[in-house]
Amino acid sequence: MNAERILVSSEYIGAGLWFIDRASAYAREREVFGRPIGQNQGIQFPLAQAYANLQAASLMRWQAARMFEEGQEPSFEVNACKLLSSQALWAAANAAMDTFGGYGVAEEFGVERRFREARLPSIAPISNNIVLAQIAHGTLGLPKSY
């Protein structure tokens, strides 16, 4: 399970960066009222926050991978990187959809299909609620909730 969580986290981070790249390019190009929409903080801030979250998840992923390679037991780290990367992906997908507006559902931009796919990591291959329970029980020593 440790290797799987590191692997899927890498996938989620890559997918999130795809959203950021696409939305940032669109925000630089799309003009409304004579200026690029990317000049607006309402577009900039969600993209910047999602990017920062993806980078933080990536750092946790690399820490988990290093520990795994060294033969340590990265239980918390693999759970945290799965949780953080799936949340960061969803934030990036939402920021991209907000950036594209109505064009986000147009097939030619490719955002809508990936947007739907970005929801899946919060429930599969393991639910984020189970991941949180594992962190609570295994890392924090809290009594089992189930």
C-alpha atoms as a PDB file:
ATOM      1  CA  MET A   1       0.000   0.000   0.000  1.00  0.00           C
ATOM      2  CA  ASN A   2       2.902   2.375   0.638  1.00  0.00           C
ATOM      3  CA  ALA A   3       4.189   2.151  -2.939  1.00  0.00           C
ATOM      4  CA  GLU A   4       0.645   2.484  -4.296  1.00  0.00           C
ATOM      5  CA  ARG A   5      -0.027   5.666  -2.334  1.00  0.00           C
ATOM      6  CA  ILE A   6       3.242   7.217  -3.470  1.00  0.00           C
ATOM      7  CA  LEU A   7       2.443   6.277  -7.063  1.00  0.00           C
ATOM      8  CA  VAL A   8      -1.118   7.607  -7.073  1.00  0.00           C
ATOM      9  CA  SER A   9       0.038  10.776  -5.330  1.00  0.00           C
ATOM     10  CA  SER A  10       2.461  11.351  -8.181  1.00  0.00           C
ATOM     11  CA  GLU A  11      -0.398  10.917 -10.634  1.00  0.00           C
ATOM     12  CA  TYR A  12      -2.582  13.383  -8.729  1.00  0.00           C
ATOM     13  CA  ILE A  13       0.183  15.970  -8.530  1.00  0.00           C
ATOM     14  CA  GLY A  14       0.831  15.670 -12.257  1.00  0.00           C
ATOM     15  CA  ALA A  15      -2.866  16.000 -13.036  1.00  0.00           C
ATOM     16  CA  GLY A  16      -3.105  19.055 -10.783  1.00  0.00           C
ATOM     17  CA  LEU A  17      -0.148  20.679 -12.516  1.00  0.00           C
ATOM     18  CA  TRP A  18      -1.866  20.029 -15.851  1.00  0.00           C
ATOM     19  CA  PHE A  19      -4.858  22.071 -14.622  1.00  0.00           C
ATOM     20  CA  ILE A  20      -2.591  24.874 -13.391  1.00  0.00           C
ATOM     21  CA  ASP A  21      -0.647  24.980 -16.667  1.00  0.00           C
ATOM     22  CA  ARG A  22      -3.781  25.028 -18.791  1.00  0.00           C
ATOM     23  CA  ALA A  23      -5.602  27.581 -16.652  1.00  0.00           C
ATOM     24  CA  SER A  24      -2.566  29.866 -16.352  1.00  0.00           C
ATOM     25  CA  ALA A  25      -2.040  29.874 -20.114  1.00  0.00           C
ATOM     26  CA  TYR A  26      -5.724  30.590 -20.700  1.00  0.00           C
ATOM     27  CA  ALA A  27      -5.720  33.366 -18.067  1.00  0.00           C
ATOM     28  CA  ARG A  28      -2.774  35.045 -19.797  1.00  0.00           C
ATOM     29  CA  GLU A  29      -4.420  34.847 -23.238  1.00  0.00           C
ATOM     30  CA  ARG A  30      -8.114  35.480 -22.547  1.00  0.00           C
ATOM     31  CA  GLU A  31      -8.974  39.155 -22.547  1.00  0.00           C
ATOM     32  CA  VAL A  32     -12.129  40.734 -21.173  1.00  0.00           C
ATOM     33  CA  PHE A  33     -12.652  44.487 -21.097  1.00  0.00           C
ATOM     34  CA  GLY A  34      -9.285  45.032 -22.759  1.00  0.00           C
ATOM     35  CA  ARG A  35      -7.103  43.134 -20.268  1.00  0.00           C
ATOM     36  CA  PRO A  36      -6.176  39.517 -19.551  1.00  0.00           C
ATOM     37  CA  ILE A  37      -8.387  37.805 -17.007  1.00  0.00           C
ATOM     38  CA  GLY A  38      -5.220  36.604 -15.274  1.00  0.00           C
ATOM     39  CA  GLN A  39      -4.694  40.164 -14.094  1.00  0.00           C
ATOM     40  CA  ASN A  40      -7.594  39.705 -11.679  1.00  0.00           C
ATOM     41  CA  GLN A  41      -6.820  38.453  -8.184  1.00  0.00           C
ATOM     42  CA  GLY A  42      -9.994  36.368  -8.293  1.00  0.00           C
ATOM     43  CA  ILE A  43      -8.287  34.298 -10.991  1.00  0.00           C
ATOM     44  CA  GLN A  44      -4.705  34.572  -9.693  1.00  0.00           C
ATOM     45  CA  PHE A  45      -5.209  33.655  -6.056  1.00  0.00           C
ATOM     46  CA  PRO A  46      -7.042  30.310  -6.479  1.00  0.00           C
ATOM     47  CA  LEU A  47      -4.457  29.209  -9.061  1.00  0.00           C
ATOM     48  CA  ALA A  48      -1.566  30.317  -6.839  1.00  0.00           C
ATOM     49  CA  GLN A  49      -3.072  28.572  -3.804  1.00  0.00           C
ATOM     50  CA  ALA A  50      -3.650  25.363  -5.741  1.00  0.00           C
ATOM     51  CA  TYR A  51      -0.096  25.476  -7.077  1.00  0.00           C
ATOM     52  CA  ALA A  52       1.328  25.967  -3.572  1.00  0.00           C
ATOM     53  CA  ASN A  53      -0.766  23.030  -2.310  1.00  0.00           C
ATOM     54  CA  LEU A  54       0.473  20.824  -5.151  1.00  0.00           C
ATOM     55  CA  GLN A  55       4.082  21.717  -4.344  1.00  0.00           C
ATOM     56  CA  ALA A  56       3.542  20.942  -0.646  1.00  0.00           C
ATOM     57  CA  ALA A  57       2.005  17.577  -1.552  1.00  0.00           C
ATOM     58  CA  SER A  58       4.971  16.926  -3.822  1.00  0.00           C
ATOM     59  CA  LEU A  59       7.412  17.524  -0.981  1.00  0.00           C
ATOM     60  CA  MET A  60       5.519  15.051   1.203  1.00  0.00           C
ATOM     61  CA  ARG A  61       5.525  12.566  -1.674  1.00  0.00           C
ATOM     62  CA  TRP A  62       9.311  12.820  -2.064  1.00  0.00           C
ATOM     63  CA  GLN A  63       9.774  12.393   1.680  1.00  0.00           C
ATOM     64  CA  ALA A  64       7.572   9.287   1.642  1.00  0.00           C
ATOM     65  CA  ALA A  65       9.444   7.885  -1.372  1.00  0.00           C
ATOM     66  CA  ARG A  66      12.826   8.462   0.287  1.00  0.00           C
ATOM     67  CA  MET A  67      11.705   6.755   3.477  1.00  0.00           C
ATOM     68  CA  PHE A  68      10.215   3.852   1.524  1.00  0.00           C
ATOM     69  CA  GLU A  69      13.441   3.398  -0.465  1.00  0.00           C
ATOM     70  CA  GLU A  70      15.470   3.427   2.762  1.00  0.00           C
ATOM     71  CA  GLY A  71      13.326   0.626   4.183  1.00  0.00           C
ATOM     72  CA  GLN A  72      11.652   2.789   6.801  1.00  0.00           C
ATOM     73  CA  GLU A  73       7.925   2.625   7.536  1.00  0.00           C
ATOM     74  CA  PRO A  74       6.459   5.837   6.070  1.00  0.00           C
ATOM     75  CA  SER A  75       2.915   5.147   7.237  1.00  0.00           C
ATOM     76  CA  PHE A  76       2.053   8.749   8.054  1.00  0.00           C
ATOM     77  CA  GLU A  77       3.947  10.130   5.059  1.00  0.00           C
ATOM     78  CA  VAL A  78       2.229   7.925   2.470  1.00  0.00           C
ATOM     79  CA  ASN A  79      -1.167   8.663   3.948  1.00  0.00           C
ATOM     80  CA  ALA A  80      -0.456  12.385   4.122  1.00  0.00           C
ATOM     81  CA  CYS A  81       0.826  12.558   0.547  1.00  0.00           C
ATOM     82  CA  LYS A  82      -2.271  10.715  -0.741  1.00  0.00           C
ATOM     83  CA  LEU A  83      -4.557  13.020   1.229  1.00  0.00           C
ATOM     84  CA  LEU A  84      -2.761  16.252   0.363  1.00  0.00           C
ATOM     85  CA  SER A  85      -2.268  15.426  -3.313  1.00  0.00           C
ATOM     86  CA  SER A  86      -5.913  14.456  -3.849  1.00  0.00           C
ATOM     87  CA  GLN A  87      -7.084  17.647  -2.130  1.00  0.00           C
ATOM     88  CA  ALA A  88      -4.594  19.746  -4.097  1.00  0.00           C
ATOM     89  CA  LEU A  89      -5.736  18.142  -7.352  1.00  0.00           C
ATOM     90  CA  TRP A  90      -9.375  18.952  -6.585  1.00  0.00           C
ATOM     91  CA  ALA A  91      -8.471  22.557  -5.727  1.00  0.00           C
ATOM     92  CA  ALA A  92      -6.513  22.872  -8.976  1.00  0.00           C
ATOM     93  CA  ALA A  93      -9.413  21.421 -10.957  1.00  0.00           C
ATOM     94  CA  ASN A  94     -11.845  23.872  -9.378  1.00  0.00           C
ATOM     95  CA  ALA A  95      -9.509  26.821  -9.930  1.00  0.00           C
ATOM     96  CA  ALA A  96      -9.114  25.815 -13.566  1.00  0.00           C
ATOM     97  CA  MET A  97     -12.845  25.419 -14.067  1.00  0.00           C
ATOM     98  CA  ASP A  98     -13.427  28.850 -12.516  1.00  0.00           C
ATOM     99  CA  THR A  99     -10.742  30.325 -14.767  1.00  0.00           C
ATOM    100  CA  PHE A 100     -12.246  28.856 -17.920  1.00  0.00           C
ATOM    101  CA  GLY A 101     -15.787  29.712 -16.885  1.00  0.00           C
ATOM    102  CA  GLY A 102     -18.308  28.423 -19.413  1.00  0.00           C
ATOM    103  CA  TYR A 103     -15.493  27.344 -21.728  1.00  0.00           C
ATOM    104  CA  GLY A 104     -14.512  24.806 -19.079  1.00  0.00           C
ATOM    105  CA  VAL A 105     -17.245  22.494 -20.322  1.00  0.00           C
ATOM    106  CA  ALA A 106     -16.351  22.920 -24.008  1.00  0.00           C
ATOM    107  CA  GLU A 107     -14.778  19.735 -25.364  1.00  0.00           C
ATOM    108  CA  GLU A 108     -11.989  21.513 -27.229  1.00  0.00           C
ATOM    109  CA  PHE A 109     -10.336  22.671 -23.994  1.00  0.00           C
ATOM    110  CA  GLY A 110     -10.310  19.199 -22.407  1.00  0.00           C
ATOM    111  CA  VAL A 111     -11.002  20.556 -18.934  1.00  0.00           C
ATOM    112  CA  GLU A 112     -14.451  19.088 -18.306  1.00  0.00           C
ATOM    113  CA  ARG A 113     -13.470  15.419 -18.634  1.00  0.00           C
ATOM    114  CA  ARG A 114     -10.413  15.854 -16.436  1.00  0.00           C
ATOM    115  CA  PHE A 115     -12.481  17.874 -13.983  1.00  0.00           C
ATOM    116  CA  ARG A 116     -14.781  14.898 -13.492  1.00  0.00           C
ATOM    117  CA  GLU A 117     -11.788  12.590 -13.104  1.00  0.00           C
ATOM    118  CA  ALA A 118     -10.250  14.905 -10.482  1.00  0.00           C
ATOM    119  CA  ARG A 119     -13.015  14.030  -8.037  1.00  0.00           C
ATOM    120  CA  LEU A 120     -12.258  10.314  -7.978  1.00  0.00           C
ATOM    121  CA  PRO A 121      -8.985  10.486  -5.953  1.00  0.00           C
ATOM    122  CA  SER A 122     -10.823  11.684  -2.866  1.00  0.00           C
ATOM    123  CA  ILE A 123     -12.699   8.366  -2.732  1.00  0.00           C
ATOM    124  CA  ALA A 124     -10.468   5.842  -4.540  1.00  0.00           C
ATOM    125  CA  PRO A 125      -8.346   3.804  -4.358  1.00  0.00           C
ATOM    126  CA  ILE A 126      -9.016   4.607  -0.716  1.00  0.00           C
ATOM    127  CA  SER A 127     -11.327   7.233   0.729  1.00  0.00           C
ATOM    128  CA  ASN A 128      -9.741  10.310   2.272  1.00  0.00           C
ATOM    129  CA  ASN A 129     -11.871   9.619   5.338  1.00  0.00           C
ATOM    130  CA  ILE A 130     -10.128   6.270   5.797  1.00  0.00           C
ATOM    131  CA  VAL A 131      -6.771   7.998   5.319  1.00  0.00           C
ATOM    132  CA  LEU A 132      -7.692  10.538   7.995  1.00  0.00           C
ATOM    133  CA  ALA A 133      -8.759   7.714  10.310  1.00  0.00           C
ATOM    134  CA  GLN A 134      -5.428   5.965   9.726  1.00  0.00           C
ATOM    135  CA  ILE A 135      -3.533   9.155  10.563  1.00  0.00           C
ATOM    136  CA  ALA A 136      -5.683   9.703  13.649  1.00  0.00           C
ATOM    137  CA  HIS A 137      -5.281   6.124  14.886  1.00  0.00           C
ATOM    138  CA  GLY A 138      -1.828   5.218  13.693  1.00  0.00           C
ATOM    139  CA  THR A 139       0.017   8.507  14.045  1.00  0.00           C
ATOM    140  CA  LEU A 140      -1.843  10.425  16.716  1.00  0.00           C
ATOM    141  CA  GLY A 141      -2.755   7.389  18.796  1.00  0.00           C
ATOM    142  CA  LEU A 142      -6.424   8.288  18.982  1.00  0.00           C
ATOM    143  CA  PRO A 143      -8.955   5.525  19.664  1.00  0.00           C
ATOM    144  CA  LYS A 144     -10.503   3.897  16.617  1.00  0.00           C
ATOM    145  CA  SER A 145     -13.657   5.564  15.387  1.00  0.00           C
ATOM    146  CA  TYR A 146     -14.952   2.435  13.691  1.00  0.00           C
END
